Amino acid sequence: MAKKKAPAKTNAIRLVEQKKIPYSEHEYEWSEEHVGALDVAEQLNQNTSQIFKTLVTTGNKTGPVVAVIPGNQELDLKKLAKASGNKKMEMLHLKDLESVTGYIRGGCSPIGMKKNFPTYIDETAQAFETIIISAGRRGLQMELAPAGIQQLTKAKFVDLRL
């Protein structure tokens, strides 16, 4: 009987392991209809405010900017613009996500993108010992300390919620 081959490690997981940052993996059944953070929270039986989503935006001055916010919240583009030194922000077009970040919708991690883009984590992350973010593949999340994400992405903690 053939052994089931373990999925290859993602860039995000490789970087976390390289820096020896403690983390744990959470796998779940992924489907096209259930790609949001709330679906992930339900599948993993986790607190929705502890599951964070990665959103990629474009600033008129800086280009791509990454926002990591609670999955049950909406991003305030004006707050992100102010924090990142832009006058105007808009969401990156979905068709450009993979070419810009190296990740696809439903599997976009703030860690291990093609380039180190300016990254902002909502300040509420600091209230948790650990938060859960995408590990860089659909159906795979990683749980780690917000400070670990900050260390790897050089992120700033700011208020990003609407």
N, C-alpha and C. Protein backbone atom coordinates (compact mmCIF):
# COMPACT_ATOMS: atom_id res chain seq x y z
N MET A 1 0.84 -1.18 0.00
CA MET A 1 0.00 0.00 0.00
C MET A 1 0.88 1.25 0.00
N ALA A 2 0.56 2.20 -0.87
CA ALA A 2 1.36 3.42 -0.99
C ALA A 2 1.09 4.34 0.19
N LYS A 3 2.16 4.95 0.66
CA LYS A 3 2.01 5.92 1.75
C LYS A 3 1.49 7.22 1.18
N LYS A 4 0.65 7.89 1.96
CA LYS A 4 0.14 9.19 1.55
C LYS A 4 1.28 10.20 1.71
N LYS A 5 1.61 10.87 0.61
CA LYS A 5 2.71 11.83 0.62
C LYS A 5 2.28 13.11 1.35
N ALA A 6 3.12 13.56 2.28
CA ALA A 6 2.82 14.80 3.01
C ALA A 6 2.93 15.97 2.04
N PRO A 7 2.03 16.95 2.16
CA PRO A 7 2.12 18.10 1.27
C PRO A 7 3.43 18.86 1.46
N ALA A 8 3.93 19.42 0.39
CA ALA A 8 5.17 20.18 0.45
C ALA A 8 4.99 21.38 1.38
N LYS A 9 6.07 21.76 2.04
CA LYS A 9 6.00 22.93 2.91
C LYS A 9 5.85 24.18 2.07
N THR A 10 5.10 25.12 2.60
CA THR A 10 4.91 26.40 1.90
C THR A 10 6.07 27.33 2.24
N ASN A 11 6.20 28.41 1.48
CA ASN A 11 7.22 29.42 1.79
C ASN A 11 7.04 29.96 3.20
N ALA A 12 5.78 30.18 3.58
CA ALA A 12 5.49 30.73 4.90
C ALA A 12 6.01 29.79 6.00
N ILE A 13 5.73 28.51 5.87
CA ILE A 13 6.17 27.55 6.89
C ILE A 13 7.70 27.44 6.90
N ARG A 14 8.31 27.41 5.73
CA ARG A 14 9.78 27.34 5.66
C ARG A 14 10.41 28.53 6.39
N LEU A 15 9.89 29.73 6.16
CA LEU A 15 10.45 30.92 6.81
C LEU A 15 10.27 30.88 8.33
N VAL A 16 9.10 30.46 8.78
CA VAL A 16 8.83 30.37 10.22
C VAL A 16 9.80 29.37 10.86
N GLU A 17 10.00 28.24 10.19
CA GLU A 17 10.92 27.22 10.73
C GLU A 17 12.37 27.70 10.70
N GLN A 18 12.74 28.40 9.63
CA GLN A 18 14.09 28.94 9.51
C GLN A 18 14.44 29.85 10.68
N LYS A 19 13.49 30.69 11.07
CA LYS A 19 13.70 31.64 12.17
C LYS A 19 13.40 31.02 13.54
N LYS A 20 13.07 29.72 13.53
CA LYS A 20 12.79 28.96 14.77
C LYS A 20 11.68 29.62 15.61
N ILE A 21 10.65 30.10 14.90
CA ILE A 21 9.50 30.69 15.58
C ILE A 21 8.49 29.58 15.85
N PRO A 22 8.08 29.40 17.10
CA PRO A 22 7.11 28.33 17.40
C PRO A 22 5.78 28.56 16.69
N TYR A 23 5.23 27.51 16.13
CA TYR A 23 3.95 27.59 15.43
C TYR A 23 3.30 26.21 15.43
N SER A 24 2.02 26.19 15.11
CA SER A 24 1.34 24.91 14.89
C SER A 24 0.51 25.04 13.63
N GLU A 25 0.30 23.92 12.98
CA GLU A 25 -0.47 23.89 11.73
C GLU A 25 -1.89 23.42 12.00
N HIS A 26 -2.82 23.95 11.22
CA HIS A 26 -4.22 23.54 11.27
C HIS A 26 -4.67 23.27 9.84
N GLU A 27 -5.04 22.01 9.57
CA GLU A 27 -5.56 21.68 8.24
C GLU A 27 -7.08 21.59 8.32
N TYR A 28 -7.72 21.92 7.21
CA TYR A 28 -9.18 21.85 7.15
C TYR A 28 -9.59 21.58 5.72
N GLU A 29 -10.83 21.15 5.55
CA GLU A 29 -11.38 20.89 4.21
C GLU A 29 -11.67 22.22 3.55
N TRP A 30 -11.08 22.43 2.39
CA TRP A 30 -11.26 23.69 1.69
C TRP A 30 -12.20 23.48 0.52
N SER A 31 -13.04 24.47 0.26
CA SER A 31 -13.89 24.42 -0.94
C SER A 31 -14.07 25.84 -1.46
N GLU A 32 -14.38 25.96 -2.75
CA GLU A 32 -14.54 27.27 -3.40
C GLU A 32 -15.63 28.10 -2.75
N GLU A 33 -16.65 27.46 -2.19
CA GLU A 33 -17.77 28.18 -1.56
C GLU A 33 -17.42 28.68 -0.16
N HIS A 34 -16.39 28.09 0.44
CA HIS A 34 -16.06 28.43 1.83
C HIS A 34 -14.60 28.85 1.92
N VAL A 35 -14.32 30.09 1.52
CA VAL A 35 -12.94 30.56 1.51
C VAL A 35 -12.66 31.61 2.59
N GLY A 36 -13.67 32.12 3.22
CA GLY A 36 -13.49 33.20 4.18
C GLY A 36 -13.00 32.75 5.54
N ALA A 37 -12.52 33.72 6.30
CA ALA A 37 -11.99 33.45 7.63
C ALA A 37 -13.06 32.89 8.57
N LEU A 38 -14.32 33.30 8.38
CA LEU A 38 -15.39 32.78 9.24
C LEU A 38 -15.62 31.29 8.99
N ASP A 39 -15.51 30.88 7.72
CA ASP A 39 -15.63 29.46 7.39
C ASP A 39 -14.47 28.67 8.01
N VAL A 40 -13.29 29.26 7.97
CA VAL A 40 -12.12 28.61 8.56
C VAL A 40 -12.32 28.46 10.06
N ALA A 41 -12.78 29.52 10.72
CA ALA A 41 -13.00 29.48 12.16
C ALA A 41 -13.97 28.37 12.53
N GLU A 42 -15.04 28.25 11.74
CA GLU A 42 -16.04 27.21 11.99
C GLU A 42 -15.42 25.81 11.82
N GLN A 43 -14.69 25.62 10.74
CA GLN A 43 -14.07 24.31 10.48
C GLN A 43 -13.05 23.93 11.55
N LEU A 44 -12.30 24.92 12.03
CA LEU A 44 -11.25 24.65 13.02
C LEU A 44 -11.77 24.75 14.45
N ASN A 45 -13.04 25.11 14.59
CA ASN A 45 -13.65 25.29 15.91
C ASN A 45 -12.83 26.28 16.76
N GLN A 46 -12.56 27.44 16.16
CA GLN A 46 -11.75 28.47 16.81
C GLN A 46 -12.55 29.77 16.93
N ASN A 47 -12.11 30.63 17.83
CA ASN A 47 -12.70 31.94 18.03
C ASN A 47 -12.50 32.77 16.75
N THR A 48 -13.58 33.31 16.19
CA THR A 48 -13.47 34.06 14.93
C THR A 48 -12.57 35.29 15.06
N SER A 49 -12.49 35.89 16.23
CA SER A 49 -11.65 37.08 16.37
C SER A 49 -10.17 36.72 16.44
N GLN A 50 -9.85 35.44 16.53
CA GLN A 50 -8.45 34.99 16.58
C GLN A 50 -7.95 34.53 15.20
N ILE A 51 -8.87 34.39 14.25
CA ILE A 51 -8.51 34.02 12.87
C ILE A 51 -8.34 35.33 12.10
N PHE A 52 -7.15 35.54 11.55
CA PHE A 52 -6.87 36.78 10.84
C PHE A 52 -6.74 36.49 9.35
N LYS A 53 -7.24 37.43 8.55
CA LYS A 53 -7.15 37.29 7.10
C LYS A 53 -6.11 38.25 6.56
N THR A 54 -5.53 37.86 5.44
CA THR A 54 -4.51 38.67 4.78
C THR A 54 -5.13 39.33 3.56
N LEU A 55 -5.10 40.65 3.53
CA LEU A 55 -5.65 41.40 2.40
C LEU A 55 -4.51 42.19 1.75
N VAL A 56 -4.47 42.16 0.43
CA VAL A 56 -3.42 42.89 -0.28
C VAL A 56 -4.07 44.07 -0.99
N THR A 57 -3.50 45.24 -0.76
CA THR A 57 -4.02 46.48 -1.31
C THR A 57 -2.93 47.15 -2.15
N THR A 58 -3.31 48.22 -2.82
CA THR A 58 -2.34 49.00 -3.57
C THR A 58 -2.48 50.46 -3.17
N GLY A 59 -1.37 51.07 -2.81
CA GLY A 59 -1.37 52.48 -2.45
C GLY A 59 -0.89 53.32 -3.61
N ASN A 60 -1.38 54.54 -3.71
CA ASN A 60 -1.00 55.41 -4.82
C ASN A 60 0.47 55.82 -4.78
N LYS A 61 1.12 55.72 -3.62
CA LYS A 61 2.53 56.08 -3.51
C LYS A 61 3.44 54.87 -3.32
N THR A 62 2.98 53.88 -2.56
CA THR A 62 3.86 52.76 -2.18
C THR A 62 3.69 51.51 -3.02
N GLY A 63 2.61 51.41 -3.77
CA GLY A 63 2.33 50.14 -4.45
C GLY A 63 1.71 49.17 -3.47
N PRO A 64 2.00 47.87 -3.59
CA PRO A 64 1.34 46.87 -2.73
C PRO A 64 1.60 47.09 -1.24
N VAL A 65 0.53 46.95 -0.47
CA VAL A 65 0.57 47.05 0.99
C VAL A 65 -0.28 45.90 1.52
N VAL A 66 0.23 45.20 2.54
CA VAL A 66 -0.45 44.03 3.11
C VAL A 66 -1.11 44.42 4.43
N ALA A 67 -2.36 44.01 4.58
CA ALA A 67 -3.10 44.24 5.83
C ALA A 67 -3.53 42.90 6.39
N VAL A 68 -3.31 42.71 7.69
CA VAL A 68 -3.72 41.49 8.38
C VAL A 68 -4.73 41.90 9.44
N ILE A 69 -5.98 41.47 9.23
CA ILE A 69 -7.05 41.93 10.12
C ILE A 69 -7.88 40.74 10.60
N PRO A 70 -8.62 40.93 11.72
CA PRO A 70 -9.48 39.84 12.19
C PRO A 70 -10.46 39.43 11.09
N GLY A 71 -10.68 38.15 10.97
CA GLY A 71 -11.55 37.61 9.93
C GLY A 71 -12.98 38.07 10.03
N ASN A 72 -13.40 38.51 11.20
CA ASN A 72 -14.78 38.95 11.39
C ASN A 72 -14.92 40.47 11.27
N GLN A 73 -13.89 41.13 10.74
CA GLN A 73 -13.89 42.59 10.61
C GLN A 73 -13.69 42.99 9.15
N GLU A 74 -13.91 44.28 8.88
CA GLU A 74 -13.66 44.82 7.54
C GLU A 74 -12.51 45.81 7.62
N LEU A 75 -11.74 45.88 6.54
CA LEU A 75 -10.60 46.77 6.46
C LEU A 75 -11.04 48.20 6.17
N ASP A 76 -10.49 49.14 6.94
CA ASP A 76 -10.72 50.56 6.70
C ASP A 76 -9.56 51.05 5.83
N LEU A 77 -9.82 51.24 4.54
CA LEU A 77 -8.78 51.65 3.61
C LEU A 77 -8.19 53.02 3.95
N LYS A 78 -9.00 53.90 4.54
CA LYS A 78 -8.50 55.23 4.91
C LYS A 78 -7.47 55.12 6.04
N LYS A 79 -7.74 54.28 7.02
CA LYS A 79 -6.78 54.08 8.13
C LYS A 79 -5.48 53.46 7.60
N LEU A 80 -5.62 52.50 6.67
CA LEU A 80 -4.43 51.86 6.10
C LEU A 80 -3.64 52.87 5.26
N ALA A 81 -4.34 53.72 4.51
CA ALA A 81 -3.66 54.74 3.70
C ALA A 81 -2.84 55.66 4.60
N LYS A 82 -3.45 56.11 5.68
CA LYS A 82 -2.78 57.02 6.61
C LYS A 82 -1.55 56.35 7.23
N ALA A 83 -1.71 55.10 7.68
CA ALA A 83 -0.61 54.37 8.32
C ALA A 83 0.54 54.12 7.36
N SER A 84 0.22 53.92 6.08
CA SER A 84 1.25 53.54 5.09
C SER A 84 1.79 54.72 4.28
N GLY A 85 1.31 55.94 4.57
CA GLY A 85 1.81 57.12 3.87
C GLY A 85 1.23 57.30 2.47
N ASN A 86 0.05 56.74 2.24
CA ASN A 86 -0.63 56.89 0.96
C ASN A 86 -1.81 57.84 1.11
N LYS A 87 -2.22 58.44 0.00
CA LYS A 87 -3.43 59.26 0.02
C LYS A 87 -4.64 58.40 -0.31
N LYS A 88 -4.41 57.39 -1.16
CA LYS A 88 -5.52 56.56 -1.63
C LYS A 88 -5.08 55.10 -1.66
N MET A 89 -5.99 54.22 -1.24
CA MET A 89 -5.74 52.77 -1.25
C MET A 89 -6.89 52.09 -1.96
N GLU A 90 -6.59 51.01 -2.64
CA GLU A 90 -7.65 50.16 -3.18
C GLU A 90 -7.19 48.71 -3.07
N MET A 91 -8.14 47.82 -3.10
CA MET A 91 -7.81 46.40 -3.03
C MET A 91 -7.07 46.01 -4.31
N LEU A 92 -6.07 45.15 -4.17
CA LEU A 92 -5.37 44.62 -5.34
C LEU A 92 -6.35 43.76 -6.11
N HIS A 93 -6.35 43.87 -7.44
CA HIS A 93 -7.26 43.05 -8.24
C HIS A 93 -6.92 41.59 -8.05
N LEU A 94 -7.95 40.78 -7.89
CA LEU A 94 -7.77 39.34 -7.66
C LEU A 94 -6.91 38.69 -8.73
N LYS A 95 -7.07 39.13 -9.98
CA LYS A 95 -6.29 38.53 -11.08
C LYS A 95 -4.80 38.80 -10.93
N ASP A 96 -4.42 39.82 -10.14
CA ASP A 96 -3.01 40.16 -9.94
C ASP A 96 -2.42 39.55 -8.68
N LEU A 97 -3.24 38.94 -7.84
CA LEU A 97 -2.78 38.46 -6.54
C LEU A 97 -1.60 37.49 -6.65
N GLU A 98 -1.73 36.46 -7.49
CA GLU A 98 -0.67 35.45 -7.58
C GLU A 98 0.62 36.03 -8.17
N SER A 99 0.52 36.86 -9.21
CA SER A 99 1.73 37.40 -9.81
C SER A 99 2.46 38.37 -8.87
N VAL A 100 1.71 39.07 -8.02
CA VAL A 100 2.32 40.03 -7.09
C VAL A 100 2.87 39.33 -5.85
N THR A 101 2.07 38.42 -5.26
CA THR A 101 2.44 37.83 -3.97
C THR A 101 3.02 36.42 -4.05
N GLY A 102 2.66 35.69 -5.09
CA GLY A 102 3.04 34.28 -5.16
C GLY A 102 1.99 33.38 -4.54
N TYR A 103 0.93 33.97 -4.02
CA TYR A 103 -0.14 33.21 -3.38
C TYR A 103 -1.46 33.40 -4.14
N ILE A 104 -2.39 32.47 -3.90
CA ILE A 104 -3.71 32.56 -4.52
C ILE A 104 -4.76 32.85 -3.46
N ARG A 105 -5.93 33.29 -3.92
CA ARG A 105 -7.04 33.60 -3.02
C ARG A 105 -7.36 32.37 -2.17
N GLY A 106 -7.53 32.59 -0.89
CA GLY A 106 -7.83 31.49 0.02
C GLY A 106 -6.57 30.85 0.58
N GLY A 107 -5.40 31.28 0.10
CA GLY A 107 -4.14 30.72 0.59
C GLY A 107 -3.06 31.78 0.65
N CYS A 108 -3.44 33.02 0.88
CA CYS A 108 -2.49 34.14 0.89
C CYS A 108 -2.03 34.40 2.32
N SER A 109 -0.74 34.18 2.55
CA SER A 109 -0.14 34.43 3.86
C SER A 109 0.64 35.73 3.83
N PRO A 110 0.68 36.46 4.95
CA PRO A 110 1.51 37.67 4.98
C PRO A 110 3.01 37.32 5.00
N ILE A 111 3.31 36.07 5.32
CA ILE A 111 4.69 35.59 5.42
C ILE A 111 5.07 34.87 4.13
N GLY A 112 6.24 35.19 3.59
CA GLY A 112 6.76 34.44 2.44
C GLY A 112 6.26 34.89 1.08
N MET A 113 5.81 36.13 0.98
CA MET A 113 5.41 36.64 -0.33
C MET A 113 6.65 36.82 -1.21
N LYS A 114 6.43 37.04 -2.50
CA LYS A 114 7.55 37.20 -3.44
C LYS A 114 8.50 38.32 -3.02
N LYS A 115 7.94 39.40 -2.47
CA LYS A 115 8.73 40.53 -1.98
C LYS A 115 8.26 40.87 -0.58
N ASN A 116 9.07 41.62 0.14
CA ASN A 116 8.67 42.09 1.46
C ASN A 116 7.93 43.41 1.30
N PHE A 117 6.61 43.33 1.24
CA PHE A 117 5.79 44.53 1.09
C PHE A 117 5.54 45.14 2.46
N PRO A 118 5.26 46.47 2.51
CA PRO A 118 4.88 47.06 3.80
C PRO A 118 3.67 46.30 4.36
N THR A 119 3.78 45.90 5.61
CA THR A 119 2.74 45.06 6.22
C THR A 119 2.26 45.71 7.51
N TYR A 120 0.93 45.66 7.69
CA TYR A 120 0.29 46.24 8.87
C TYR A 120 -0.64 45.19 9.46
N ILE A 121 -0.51 44.98 10.75
CA ILE A 121 -1.35 44.01 11.46
C ILE A 121 -2.28 44.81 12.37
N ASP A 122 -3.56 44.45 12.36
CA ASP A 122 -4.49 45.17 13.23
C ASP A 122 -4.04 45.00 14.68
N GLU A 123 -4.11 46.10 15.41
CA GLU A 123 -3.63 46.13 16.80
C GLU A 123 -4.31 45.13 17.71
N THR A 124 -5.51 44.67 17.37
CA THR A 124 -6.21 43.70 18.22
C THR A 124 -5.45 42.37 18.31
N ALA A 125 -4.56 42.11 17.35
CA ALA A 125 -3.78 40.86 17.39
C ALA A 125 -2.94 40.78 18.65
N GLN A 126 -2.53 41.93 19.17
CA GLN A 126 -1.67 41.95 20.35
C GLN A 126 -2.39 41.48 21.61
N ALA A 127 -3.70 41.39 21.58
CA ALA A 127 -4.47 40.93 22.74
C ALA A 127 -4.41 39.40 22.87
N PHE A 128 -3.93 38.72 21.83
CA PHE A 128 -3.89 37.26 21.84
C PHE A 128 -2.46 36.76 21.97
N GLU A 129 -2.33 35.63 22.66
CA GLU A 129 -1.03 34.96 22.75
C GLU A 129 -0.63 34.47 21.36
N THR A 130 -1.61 33.91 20.63
CA THR A 130 -1.38 33.46 19.27
C THR A 130 -2.58 33.85 18.41
N ILE A 131 -2.32 34.01 17.11
CA ILE A 131 -3.40 34.20 16.15
C ILE A 131 -3.21 33.18 15.03
N ILE A 132 -4.25 32.99 14.25
CA ILE A 132 -4.21 32.01 13.17
C ILE A 132 -4.29 32.75 11.84
N ILE A 133 -3.31 32.46 10.97
CA ILE A 133 -3.25 33.08 9.65
C ILE A 133 -3.07 31.99 8.60
N SER A 134 -3.22 32.34 7.34
CA SER A 134 -2.98 31.38 6.28
C SER A 134 -1.52 30.95 6.30
N ALA A 135 -1.30 29.67 6.05
CA ALA A 135 0.06 29.14 5.99
C ALA A 135 0.57 29.13 4.55
N GLY A 136 -0.20 29.73 3.62
CA GLY A 136 0.26 29.83 2.25
C GLY A 136 -0.31 28.81 1.29
N ARG A 137 -1.32 28.08 1.76
CA ARG A 137 -1.99 27.11 0.89
C ARG A 137 -3.43 26.99 1.35
N ARG A 138 -4.34 26.83 0.40
CA ARG A 138 -5.74 26.62 0.76
C ARG A 138 -5.84 25.36 1.62
N GLY A 139 -6.61 25.48 2.69
CA GLY A 139 -6.81 24.34 3.58
C GLY A 139 -5.73 24.18 4.64
N LEU A 140 -4.85 25.16 4.75
CA LEU A 140 -3.78 25.09 5.74
C LEU A 140 -3.60 26.45 6.41
N GLN A 141 -3.69 26.45 7.72
CA GLN A 141 -3.50 27.66 8.52
C GLN A 141 -2.35 27.41 9.48
N MET A 142 -1.74 28.48 9.97
CA MET A 142 -0.74 28.34 11.02
C MET A 142 -1.06 29.26 12.17
N GLU A 143 -0.75 28.79 13.35
CA GLU A 143 -1.02 29.54 14.56
C GLU A 143 0.32 29.91 15.18
N LEU A 144 0.51 31.22 15.40
CA LEU A 144 1.75 31.68 15.99
C LEU A 144 1.53 33.02 16.68
N ALA A 145 2.52 33.43 17.44
CA ALA A 145 2.42 34.70 18.16
C ALA A 145 2.44 35.87 17.18
N PRO A 146 1.63 36.91 17.44
CA PRO A 146 1.66 38.10 16.58
C PRO A 146 3.07 38.68 16.43
N ALA A 147 3.87 38.60 17.50
CA ALA A 147 5.25 39.12 17.44
C ALA A 147 6.09 38.33 16.44
N GLY A 148 5.79 37.06 16.26
CA GLY A 148 6.50 36.24 15.28
C GLY A 148 6.19 36.69 13.86
N ILE A 149 4.92 37.01 13.62
CA ILE A 149 4.52 37.52 12.30
C ILE A 149 5.20 38.87 12.06
N GLN A 150 5.19 39.70 13.10
CA GLN A 150 5.81 41.01 12.99
C GLN A 150 7.30 40.88 12.68
N GLN A 151 7.97 39.96 13.34
CA GLN A 151 9.40 39.75 13.12
C GLN A 151 9.69 39.35 11.67
N LEU A 152 8.87 38.47 11.12
CA LEU A 152 9.10 37.97 9.77
C LEU A 152 8.72 38.96 8.67
N THR A 153 7.75 39.82 8.94
CA THR A 153 7.24 40.72 7.90
C THR A 153 7.65 42.18 8.14
N LYS A 154 8.28 42.46 9.26
CA LYS A 154 8.62 43.83 9.67
C LYS A 154 7.35 44.70 9.76
N ALA A 155 6.27 44.08 10.20
CA ALA A 155 4.96 44.73 10.27
C ALA A 155 4.87 45.74 11.40
N LYS A 156 3.89 46.62 11.25
CA LYS A 156 3.55 47.56 12.31
C LYS A 156 2.14 47.22 12.77
N PHE A 157 1.91 47.37 14.08
CA PHE A 157 0.57 47.16 14.63
C PHE A 157 -0.17 48.50 14.63
N VAL A 158 -1.31 48.54 13.96
CA VAL A 158 -2.13 49.76 13.89
C VAL A 158 -3.61 49.38 13.87
N ASP A 159 -4.46 50.36 14.13
CA ASP A 159 -5.90 50.14 14.02
C ASP A 159 -6.28 50.15 12.55
N LEU A 160 -6.80 49.05 12.04
CA LEU A 160 -7.16 48.93 10.62
C LEU A 160 -8.63 48.65 10.38
N ARG A 161 -9.41 48.52 11.47
CA ARG A 161 -10.81 48.11 11.32
C ARG A 161 -11.73 49.27 11.01
N LEU A 162 -12.80 48.96 10.25
CA LEU A 162 -13.83 49.95 9.97
C LEU A 162 -14.57 50.30 11.23
